[in-house]
Amino acid sequence: MKQFAVIGVGRFGTSVAKTLIDKGYDVLAIDCDEEKVQNISSYVTHAVQADATDERALKSLGISEIDTAIVSIGDNLNANILATLILKELGVEYVVAKAQDNLHGVLLTKIGADKVVYPERDMGQRLANNLISANLLDYIELSPYYRVAEILATGDLVGHSLKELDLRRRYGVNVIAAKTEDGLNVSPGPDYVISQDDLLVIMGEKDKLEKVFEVMCN
């Protein structure tokens, strides 16, 4: 079973740690703030007060044996960057680092972060899109160019098959799943007929998805 370390247990780090624990994984939580460590200690496998920029401290915790480390330090840019660099130098296989902005993210990638996340930016995008349309339930960035959206099927979509709608030809997007009362239909075929309040999971390029939103979500 994979072992995880969460470096920095503010709101984002705590949410990540608790989710991993709920899914049955071992989680080592590290923070320099004693109060935060005490608050998370009853939820995770191990919680330790330590300075994540201290290479000897991380070595003593056996951090090199961890499969994945999440650097969620948000209030100290230098500590965020240095912790990421040290984790990679100590041999942590996969390091995920939280970035404040694009420039910060580029720097984290250059020093070895395997994945960079932008929680504030991504949540802001989701909120904005949800406010634009009640039918757009979720919106996830897969890459700078591709997105996945979850759309509530209503109006003109209902009663039509995917073949009739022909979304791939008309908009360049694909319906990759449909959630119905009966469960999840992965890769629904062209004869799949959309019912009222089906949840359609659609993938495509950002600009093309936005065109679909204008037609399907208003």
Protein backbone atom coordinates (compact mmCIF):
# COMPACT_ATOMS: atom_id res chain seq x y z
CA MET A 1 0.00 0.00 0.00
CA LYS A 2 1.25 3.47 -0.86
CA GLN A 3 2.46 5.69 1.95
CA PHE A 4 1.88 9.43 1.86
CA ALA A 5 3.40 12.42 3.62
CA VAL A 6 1.60 15.74 3.83
CA ILE A 7 3.95 18.64 4.50
CA GLY A 8 1.99 21.55 5.93
CA VAL A 9 -1.42 20.86 7.45
CA GLY A 10 -3.37 24.05 6.93
CA ARG A 11 -6.83 23.79 5.41
CA PHE A 12 -5.65 22.32 2.11
CA GLY A 13 -3.15 19.90 3.65
CA THR A 14 -5.62 18.76 6.29
CA SER A 15 -8.25 18.09 3.63
CA VAL A 16 -5.77 16.03 1.58
CA ALA A 17 -4.60 14.07 4.63
CA LYS A 18 -8.11 13.25 5.86
CA THR A 19 -9.22 12.14 2.39
CA LEU A 20 -6.25 9.80 2.05
CA ILE A 21 -6.89 8.35 5.51
CA ASP A 22 -10.57 7.84 4.67
CA LYS A 23 -9.47 5.82 1.63
CA GLY A 24 -7.35 3.55 3.83
CA TYR A 25 -3.83 4.89 3.25
CA ASP A 26 -1.09 5.59 5.77
CA VAL A 27 -0.39 9.29 6.13
CA LEU A 28 2.51 11.05 7.83
CA ALA A 29 1.59 14.68 8.59
CA ILE A 30 4.40 17.19 9.14
CA ASP A 31 4.16 20.81 10.21
CA CYS A 32 6.32 23.22 12.18
CA ASP A 33 3.24 24.49 14.05
CA GLU A 34 2.64 22.42 17.19
CA GLU A 35 -1.06 23.32 17.38
CA LYS A 36 -1.69 22.18 13.81
CA VAL A 37 0.11 18.92 14.49
CA GLN A 38 -2.02 18.30 17.58
CA ASN A 39 -5.21 19.06 15.65
CA ILE A 40 -4.41 16.54 12.91
CA SER A 41 -2.84 13.85 15.10
CA SER A 42 -6.08 12.00 15.85
CA TYR A 43 -6.87 11.63 12.15
CA VAL A 44 -3.60 10.50 10.54
CA THR A 45 -1.24 7.57 11.02
CA HIS A 46 1.56 9.77 12.37
CA ALA A 47 1.80 13.51 13.00
CA VAL A 48 5.15 15.16 13.67
CA GLN A 49 6.24 18.68 14.47
CA ALA A 50 9.27 19.32 12.28
CA ASP A 51 10.84 21.87 9.98
CA ALA A 52 10.36 20.60 6.42
CA THR A 53 13.32 22.71 5.28
CA ASP A 54 15.65 20.80 7.62
CA GLU A 55 17.10 17.94 5.60
CA ARG A 56 18.34 16.08 8.67
CA ALA A 57 14.90 16.26 10.28
CA LEU A 58 13.24 14.79 7.21
CA LYS A 59 15.87 12.07 6.98
CA SER A 60 15.26 11.09 10.60
CA LEU A 61 11.56 10.66 9.79
CA GLY A 62 12.38 8.17 7.03
CA ILE A 63 10.91 10.43 4.38
CA SER A 64 12.84 8.65 1.62
CA GLU A 65 10.63 5.59 2.20
CA ILE A 66 7.49 7.58 1.39
CA ASP A 67 5.92 6.92 -2.02
CA THR A 68 4.24 10.31 -2.43
CA ALA A 69 4.75 13.60 -0.61
CA ILE A 70 2.38 16.56 -0.86
CA VAL A 71 3.94 19.94 -0.13
CA SER A 72 0.99 22.05 0.95
CA ILE A 73 2.88 24.87 2.65
CA GLY A 74 1.04 27.99 1.58
CA ASP A 75 2.17 30.86 3.78
CA ASN A 76 5.93 30.62 3.24
CA LEU A 77 7.09 30.59 -0.37
CA ASN A 78 10.71 29.86 0.48
CA ALA A 79 9.79 26.91 2.71
CA ASN A 80 7.48 25.56 0.02
CA ILE A 81 10.24 25.61 -2.60
CA LEU A 82 13.02 24.35 -0.33
CA ALA A 83 10.91 21.48 1.04
CA THR A 84 10.08 20.39 -2.52
CA LEU A 85 13.75 20.44 -3.50
CA ILE A 86 14.86 18.51 -0.40
CA LEU A 87 12.19 15.83 -0.85
CA LYS A 88 13.37 15.14 -4.38
CA GLU A 89 17.01 15.11 -3.33
CA LEU A 90 16.18 12.61 -0.58
CA GLY A 91 14.67 10.29 -3.17
CA VAL A 92 10.92 10.68 -2.68
CA GLU A 93 9.49 9.09 -5.81
CA TYR A 94 6.57 11.45 -6.41
CA VAL A 95 6.26 14.98 -5.07
CA VAL A 96 3.15 17.10 -5.44
CA ALA A 97 3.59 20.78 -4.64
CA LYS A 98 1.03 23.50 -4.04
CA ALA A 99 1.66 26.69 -6.03
CA GLN A 100 0.35 30.19 -5.48
CA ASP A 101 0.55 31.29 -9.12
CA ASN A 102 1.89 30.26 -12.53
CA LEU A 103 5.39 31.63 -11.96
CA HIS A 104 5.65 29.75 -8.67
CA GLY A 105 4.42 26.62 -10.44
CA VAL A 106 7.06 26.91 -13.17
CA LEU A 107 9.77 27.20 -10.52
CA LEU A 108 8.49 24.15 -8.64
CA THR A 109 8.52 22.13 -11.86
CA LYS A 110 12.08 23.20 -12.65
CA ILE A 111 13.35 22.05 -9.24
CA GLY A 112 11.76 18.63 -9.64
CA ALA A 113 8.12 18.65 -8.54
CA ASP A 114 6.33 15.83 -10.35
CA LYS A 115 2.96 17.55 -10.15
CA VAL A 116 1.98 21.14 -9.35
CA VAL A 117 -1.49 22.02 -8.10
CA TYR A 118 -3.21 25.39 -7.86
CA PRO A 119 -6.05 24.86 -5.36
CA GLU A 120 -7.08 28.51 -4.96
CA ARG A 121 -7.08 29.17 -8.71
CA ASP A 122 -8.87 25.93 -9.58
CA MET A 123 -11.54 26.42 -6.92
CA GLY A 124 -12.04 29.96 -8.17
CA GLN A 125 -12.56 28.70 -11.72
CA ARG A 126 -15.07 26.09 -10.53
CA LEU A 127 -17.01 28.63 -8.51
CA ALA A 128 -17.12 31.12 -11.37
CA ASN A 129 -18.35 28.50 -13.83
CA ASN A 130 -20.94 27.21 -11.40
CA LEU A 131 -22.24 30.74 -10.88
CA ILE A 132 -22.55 31.25 -14.63
CA SER A 133 -24.85 28.26 -15.01
CA ALA A 134 -26.76 26.12 -12.53
CA ASN A 135 -26.47 23.20 -14.97
CA LEU A 136 -22.66 23.20 -14.92
CA LEU A 137 -21.96 21.14 -11.79
CA ASP A 138 -18.20 20.68 -11.95
CA TYR A 139 -15.27 21.79 -14.07
CA ILE A 140 -11.80 20.24 -13.84
CA GLU A 141 -8.58 21.27 -15.55
CA LEU A 142 -6.69 18.25 -16.91
CA SER A 143 -3.98 20.30 -18.62
CA PRO A 144 -3.53 23.87 -19.89
CA TYR A 145 -5.68 22.88 -22.88
CA TYR A 146 -8.10 20.14 -21.84
CA ARG A 147 -10.99 20.22 -19.38
CA VAL A 148 -13.63 17.85 -18.03
CA ALA A 149 -17.08 19.19 -17.18
CA GLU A 150 -20.08 17.60 -15.46
CA ILE A 151 -23.33 18.95 -16.87
CA LEU A 152 -26.90 18.40 -15.74
CA ALA A 153 -28.99 17.32 -18.73
CA THR A 154 -32.14 19.38 -19.17
CA GLY A 155 -34.10 21.09 -21.93
CA ASP A 156 -33.12 20.36 -25.52
CA LEU A 157 -30.77 17.52 -24.60
CA VAL A 158 -33.45 15.31 -23.11
CA GLY A 159 -34.90 12.61 -25.32
CA HIS A 160 -32.10 12.72 -27.88
CA SER A 161 -29.42 10.11 -28.49
CA LEU A 162 -25.73 10.98 -28.57
CA LYS A 163 -25.78 10.13 -32.26
CA GLU A 164 -28.51 12.71 -32.88
CA LEU A 165 -26.71 15.39 -30.88
CA ASP A 166 -23.41 14.57 -32.62
CA LEU A 167 -21.40 16.60 -30.12
CA ARG A 168 -18.06 15.37 -31.41
CA ARG A 169 -18.67 16.68 -34.93
CA ARG A 170 -20.54 19.85 -33.92
CA TYR A 171 -18.36 20.93 -31.00
CA GLY A 172 -15.29 18.68 -30.91
CA VAL A 173 -16.09 17.27 -27.45
CA ASN A 174 -16.78 13.75 -26.19
CA VAL A 175 -19.28 12.40 -23.66
CA ILE A 176 -17.08 10.03 -21.64
CA ALA A 177 -19.66 9.00 -19.05
CA ALA A 178 -23.27 9.44 -18.04
CA LYS A 179 -24.56 9.17 -14.48
CA THR A 180 -28.15 8.00 -14.26
CA GLU A 181 -30.50 6.74 -11.57
CA ASP A 182 -29.33 3.24 -12.47
CA GLY A 183 -25.64 3.99 -12.03
CA LEU A 184 -22.64 5.09 -14.08
CA ASN A 185 -22.51 4.41 -17.81
CA VAL A 186 -18.87 4.66 -18.90
CA SER A 187 -18.30 5.47 -22.59
CA PRO A 188 -21.99 5.51 -23.56
CA GLY A 189 -22.60 4.43 -27.15
CA PRO A 190 -24.14 6.52 -29.94
CA ASP A 191 -27.61 5.07 -29.26
CA TYR A 192 -27.61 6.23 -25.65
CA VAL A 193 -30.68 8.43 -25.11
CA ILE A 194 -30.33 11.23 -22.58
CA SER A 195 -32.93 11.37 -19.82
CA GLN A 196 -34.00 14.32 -17.68
CA ASP A 197 -31.39 15.11 -14.99
CA ASP A 198 -28.75 12.72 -16.32
CA LEU A 199 -25.27 13.91 -15.38
CA LEU A 200 -23.08 14.04 -18.49
CA VAL A 201 -19.32 14.00 -18.11
CA ILE A 202 -17.84 15.76 -21.14
CA MET A 203 -14.18 16.17 -22.13
CA GLY A 204 -12.63 18.49 -24.67
CA GLU A 205 -10.43 21.47 -25.34
CA LYS A 206 -11.13 24.51 -23.18
CA ASP A 207 -12.48 26.75 -25.95
CA LYS A 208 -14.67 24.03 -27.41
CA LEU A 209 -16.14 23.14 -24.03
CA GLU A 210 -17.00 26.78 -23.43
CA LYS A 211 -18.99 26.82 -26.69
CA VAL A 212 -20.90 23.78 -25.44
CA PHE A 213 -21.65 25.60 -22.17
CA GLU A 214 -23.20 28.49 -24.10
CA VAL A 215 -25.58 26.13 -25.88
CA MET A 216 -26.25 23.46 -23.25
CA CYS A 217 -26.02 25.29 -19.92
CA ASN A 218 -28.08 28.43 -20.44
